[in-house]
């Protein structure tokens, strides 16, 4: 294949990609993925906070048990 043939294939693929990106379905799918990602980030932050609180409770309980032993 010549470089012009490769260029033509690339140009056609690029035009097809641009047309795909402009469709409402693609935009809706992208918005859905971004929304799910943000929800996952929020869930992970809440989980990390709960683990941090649990760890603080465990440390406090260990200190209490050590003082009363």
Protein backbone atom coordinates (compact mmCIF):
# COMPACT_ATOMS: atom_id res chain seq x y z
CA UNK A 1 0.00 0.00 0.00
CA UNK A 2 1.30 3.41 -0.86
CA UNK A 3 1.46 6.29 1.55
CA UNK A 4 -1.45 7.89 -0.34
CA UNK A 5 -3.54 4.78 0.18
CA UNK A 6 -2.76 4.81 3.91
CA UNK A 7 -3.58 8.51 4.01
CA UNK A 8 -6.93 7.89 2.30
CA UNK A 9 -7.82 5.11 4.75
CA UNK A 10 -6.85 7.34 7.67
CA UNK A 11 -8.87 10.23 6.33
CA UNK A 12 -11.95 8.04 5.86
CA UNK A 13 -11.55 6.60 9.36
CA UNK A 14 -11.17 10.11 10.78
CA UNK A 15 -14.29 11.35 9.04
CA UNK A 16 -16.21 8.30 10.27
CA UNK A 17 -15.00 8.92 13.83
CA UNK A 18 -16.07 12.56 13.67
CA UNK A 19 -19.51 11.55 12.43
CA UNK A 20 -19.81 9.01 15.25
CA UNK A 21 -18.83 11.57 17.90
CA UNK A 22 -21.52 13.96 16.67
CA UNK A 23 -24.36 11.46 17.20
CA UNK A 24 -26.71 11.96 20.17
CA UNK A 25 -26.30 8.32 21.18
CA UNK A 26 -22.53 8.69 21.49
CA UNK A 27 -22.90 11.86 23.55
CA UNK A 28 -25.44 10.14 25.79
CA UNK A 29 -23.12 7.17 26.26
CA UNK A 30 -20.21 9.46 27.13
CA UNK A 31 -22.35 11.36 29.65
CA UNK A 32 -23.40 8.05 31.18
CA UNK A 33 -19.80 6.88 31.52
CA UNK A 34 -18.75 10.18 33.10
CA UNK A 35 -21.72 10.06 35.49
CA UNK A 36 -20.91 6.50 36.55
CA UNK A 37 -17.27 7.48 37.04
CA UNK A 38 -18.22 10.40 39.27
CA UNK A 39 -20.57 8.14 41.27
CA UNK A 40 -17.77 5.60 41.67
CA UNK A 41 -15.42 8.34 42.87
CA UNK A 42 -17.98 9.51 45.44
CA UNK A 43 -18.58 5.93 46.61
CA UNK A 44 -14.84 5.35 46.95
CA UNK A 45 -14.42 8.54 48.96
CA UNK A 46 -17.27 7.55 51.29
CA UNK A 47 -15.78 4.07 51.72
CA UNK A 48 -12.33 5.52 52.49
CA UNK A 49 -13.88 7.84 55.08
CA UNK A 50 -15.72 4.95 56.74
CA UNK A 51 -12.51 2.90 56.84
CA UNK A 52 -10.71 5.85 58.40
CA UNK A 53 -13.43 6.19 61.06
CA UNK A 54 -13.32 2.44 61.75
CA UNK A 55 -9.54 2.60 62.13
CA UNK A 56 -9.86 5.47 64.61
CA UNK A 57 -12.42 3.46 66.58
CA UNK A 58 -10.11 0.44 66.66
CA UNK A 59 -7.17 2.57 67.85
CA UNK A 60 -9.31 4.18 70.54
CA UNK A 61 -10.57 0.78 71.70
CA UNK A 62 -7.02 -0.60 71.78
CA UNK A 63 -5.85 2.36 73.90
CA UNK A 64 -8.79 1.88 76.26
CA UNK A 65 -8.10 -1.83 76.61
CA UNK A 66 -4.40 -1.17 77.19
CA UNK A 67 -5.16 1.36 79.96
CA UNK A 68 -7.62 -0.99 81.67
CA UNK A 69 -5.46 -4.10 81.39
